[in-house]
Amino acid sequence: TTEFAPVGDGFCSSTSATYSSPAWALADSSVGRQGFETDLYASWVRQAFLRCFEKSSSTAYVSVWEDAAFRCYTSATCEPNGAAGTRSWYSHSDRCKFRY
């Protein structure tokens, strides 16, 4: 995911999410948990940003879980809490808002 940069493992703990999905919001549970390095997980990151941008064009960060859950954040910073099974991401290009 070249248009998104990892911030760190865990979800953004320094700010409240503007949206929190349930597990399997980005995929059917039949696909199973996906590791951070898989192509399917990368597609979830893209989908999470798209859905978050639809909710707020001010989205700056998302956290995406290995079980296809995600959270959206509009804050200026994100301090991941190191939790297993999720990674937080930053969108470093406004262009990605319109690419998916």
C-alpha atoms as a PDB file:
ATOM      1  CA  THR A   1       0.000   0.000   0.000  1.00  0.00           C
ATOM      2  CA  THR A   2       2.202   2.804  -1.247  1.00  0.00           C
ATOM      3  CA  GLU A   3      -0.333   5.566  -0.634  1.00  0.00           C
ATOM      4  CA  PHE A   4      -0.653   4.626   3.039  1.00  0.00           C
ATOM      5  CA  ALA A   5       2.076   4.470   5.652  1.00  0.00           C
ATOM      6  CA  PRO A   6       1.982   2.280   8.761  1.00  0.00           C
ATOM      7  CA  VAL A   7       2.045   4.241  12.004  1.00  0.00           C
ATOM      8  CA  GLY A   8       2.485   1.228  14.258  1.00  0.00           C
ATOM      9  CA  ASP A   9       0.866  -1.811  15.792  1.00  0.00           C
ATOM     10  CA  GLY A  10      -2.304  -1.283  17.756  1.00  0.00           C
ATOM     11  CA  PHE A  11      -5.094   1.251  17.452  1.00  0.00           C
ATOM     12  CA  CYS A  12      -4.809   5.005  17.990  1.00  0.00           C
ATOM     13  CA  SER A  13      -5.128   5.326  21.746  1.00  0.00           C
ATOM     14  CA  SER A  14      -4.518   9.064  22.023  1.00  0.00           C
ATOM     15  CA  THR A  15      -7.799  10.060  20.392  1.00  0.00           C
ATOM     16  CA  SER A  16     -11.388   8.924  20.003  1.00  0.00           C
ATOM     17  CA  ALA A  17     -12.443   7.155  16.836  1.00  0.00           C
ATOM     18  CA  THR A  18     -14.993   8.932  14.683  1.00  0.00           C
ATOM     19  CA  TYR A  19     -16.290   5.502  13.635  1.00  0.00           C
ATOM     20  CA  SER A  20     -15.702   1.938  14.897  1.00  0.00           C
ATOM     21  CA  SER A  21     -16.879  -1.032  12.868  1.00  0.00           C
ATOM     22  CA  PRO A  22     -17.670  -4.515  14.082  1.00  0.00           C
ATOM     23  CA  ALA A  23     -15.470  -7.462  13.137  1.00  0.00           C
ATOM     24  CA  TRP A  24     -15.788  -8.619   9.535  1.00  0.00           C
ATOM     25  CA  ALA A  25     -17.045  -5.249   8.288  1.00  0.00           C
ATOM     26  CA  LEU A  26     -14.565  -5.355   5.384  1.00  0.00           C
ATOM     27  CA  ALA A  27     -14.886  -9.041   4.466  1.00  0.00           C
ATOM     28  CA  ASP A  28     -16.879 -12.164   5.164  1.00  0.00           C
ATOM     29  CA  SER A  29     -15.651 -14.136   8.142  1.00  0.00           C
ATOM     30  CA  SER A  30     -15.147 -17.156   5.886  1.00  0.00           C
ATOM     31  CA  VAL A  31     -11.898 -15.612   4.586  1.00  0.00           C
ATOM     32  CA  GLY A  32     -10.400 -15.888   8.070  1.00  0.00           C
ATOM     33  CA  ARG A  33      -8.016 -13.575   9.879  1.00  0.00           C
ATOM     34  CA  GLN A  34      -5.347 -12.052   7.631  1.00  0.00           C
ATOM     35  CA  GLY A  35      -1.802 -11.062   8.533  1.00  0.00           C
ATOM     36  CA  PHE A  36      -0.561  -7.547   7.922  1.00  0.00           C
ATOM     37  CA  GLU A  37       1.610  -8.609   4.977  1.00  0.00           C
ATOM     38  CA  THR A  38      -1.150 -10.261   2.939  1.00  0.00           C
ATOM     39  CA  ASP A  39      -2.668  -8.731  -0.182  1.00  0.00           C
ATOM     40  CA  LEU A  40      -6.137  -9.181   1.289  1.00  0.00           C
ATOM     41  CA  TYR A  41      -5.225  -7.201   4.417  1.00  0.00           C
ATOM     42  CA  ALA A  42      -3.778  -4.445   2.182  1.00  0.00           C
ATOM     43  CA  SER A  43      -7.110  -4.291   0.358  1.00  0.00           C
ATOM     44  CA  TRP A  44      -8.843  -3.886   3.726  1.00  0.00           C
ATOM     45  CA  VAL A  45      -6.646  -0.875   4.495  1.00  0.00           C
ATOM     46  CA  ARG A  46      -7.697   0.715   1.195  1.00  0.00           C
ATOM     47  CA  GLN A  47     -11.361  -0.117   1.839  1.00  0.00           C
ATOM     48  CA  ALA A  48     -11.179   1.262   5.373  1.00  0.00           C
ATOM     49  CA  PHE A  49      -9.797   4.583   4.125  1.00  0.00           C
ATOM     50  CA  LEU A  50     -12.498   4.780   1.457  1.00  0.00           C
ATOM     51  CA  ARG A  51     -15.275   4.114   3.968  1.00  0.00           C
ATOM     52  CA  CYS A  52     -13.767   6.523   6.482  1.00  0.00           C
ATOM     53  CA  PHE A  53     -13.411   9.282   3.859  1.00  0.00           C
ATOM     54  CA  GLU A  54     -17.082   8.760   2.996  1.00  0.00           C
ATOM     55  CA  LYS A  55     -17.918   9.392   6.664  1.00  0.00           C
ATOM     56  CA  SER A  56     -15.518  12.338   7.026  1.00  0.00           C
ATOM     57  CA  SER A  57     -13.246  13.936   4.457  1.00  0.00           C
ATOM     58  CA  SER A  58     -11.002  14.926   7.386  1.00  0.00           C
ATOM     59  CA  THR A  59      -9.951  11.326   8.031  1.00  0.00           C
ATOM     60  CA  ALA A  60      -6.207  11.162   8.634  1.00  0.00           C
ATOM     61  CA  TYR A  61      -5.726   7.714  10.213  1.00  0.00           C
ATOM     62  CA  VAL A  62      -7.364   4.312  10.250  1.00  0.00           C
ATOM     63  CA  SER A  63      -6.755   1.255  12.378  1.00  0.00           C
ATOM     64  CA  VAL A  64      -7.451  -2.073  10.671  1.00  0.00           C
ATOM     65  CA  TRP A  65      -7.728  -5.397  12.477  1.00  0.00           C
ATOM     66  CA  GLU A  66      -6.758  -8.854  11.230  1.00  0.00           C
ATOM     67  CA  ASP A  67     -10.469  -9.735  11.508  1.00  0.00           C
ATOM     68  CA  ALA A  68     -11.527  -7.025   9.010  1.00  0.00           C
ATOM     69  CA  ALA A  69     -12.697  -4.490  11.607  1.00  0.00           C
ATOM     70  CA  PHE A  70     -11.637  -0.862  11.312  1.00  0.00           C
ATOM     71  CA  ARG A  71     -11.725   2.510  13.049  1.00  0.00           C
ATOM     72  CA  CYS A  72     -11.539   6.027  11.606  1.00  0.00           C
ATOM     73  CA  TYR A  73      -9.733   9.011  13.132  1.00  0.00           C
ATOM     74  CA  THR A  74      -9.660  12.686  12.177  1.00  0.00           C
ATOM     75  CA  SER A  75      -7.122  13.773  14.785  1.00  0.00           C
ATOM     76  CA  ALA A  76      -3.794  15.374  13.941  1.00  0.00           C
ATOM     77  CA  THR A  77      -1.851  12.573  15.646  1.00  0.00           C
ATOM     78  CA  CYS A  78      -2.133   8.855  16.298  1.00  0.00           C
ATOM     79  CA  GLU A  79      -0.267   7.050  19.047  1.00  0.00           C
ATOM     80  CA  PRO A  80      -0.787   3.317  18.522  1.00  0.00           C
ATOM     81  CA  ASN A  81      -1.121   1.343  21.741  1.00  0.00           C
ATOM     82  CA  GLY A  82       0.853  -1.714  20.561  1.00  0.00           C
ATOM     83  CA  ALA A  83      -2.130  -4.077  20.732  1.00  0.00           C
ATOM     84  CA  ALA A  84      -1.789  -7.314  18.801  1.00  0.00           C
ATOM     85  CA  GLY A  85      -4.001  -8.015  15.802  1.00  0.00           C
ATOM     86  CA  THR A  86      -4.354  -4.432  14.589  1.00  0.00           C
ATOM     87  CA  ARG A  87      -2.210  -1.842  12.872  1.00  0.00           C
ATOM     88  CA  SER A  88      -2.765   1.895  12.373  1.00  0.00           C
ATOM     89  CA  TRP A  89      -2.195   3.689   9.091  1.00  0.00           C
ATOM     90  CA  TYR A  90      -1.731   7.248   7.865  1.00  0.00           C
ATOM     91  CA  SER A  91      -2.866   8.574   4.514  1.00  0.00           C
ATOM     92  CA  HIS A  92       0.022  10.630   3.178  1.00  0.00           C
ATOM     93  CA  SER A  93      -1.714  11.702   0.003  1.00  0.00           C
ATOM     94  CA  ASP A  94      -5.039  13.464  -0.468  1.00  0.00           C
ATOM     95  CA  ARG A  95      -5.209  11.788  -3.882  1.00  0.00           C
ATOM     96  CA  CYS A  96      -6.037   8.458  -2.273  1.00  0.00           C
ATOM     97  CA  LYS A  97      -9.403   9.868  -1.211  1.00  0.00           C
ATOM     98  CA  PHE A  98     -10.527   9.617  -4.803  1.00  0.00           C
ATOM     99  CA  ARG A  99      -8.672   6.550  -6.071  1.00  0.00           C
ATOM    100  CA  TYR A 100     -10.899   3.798  -4.715  1.00  0.00           C
END
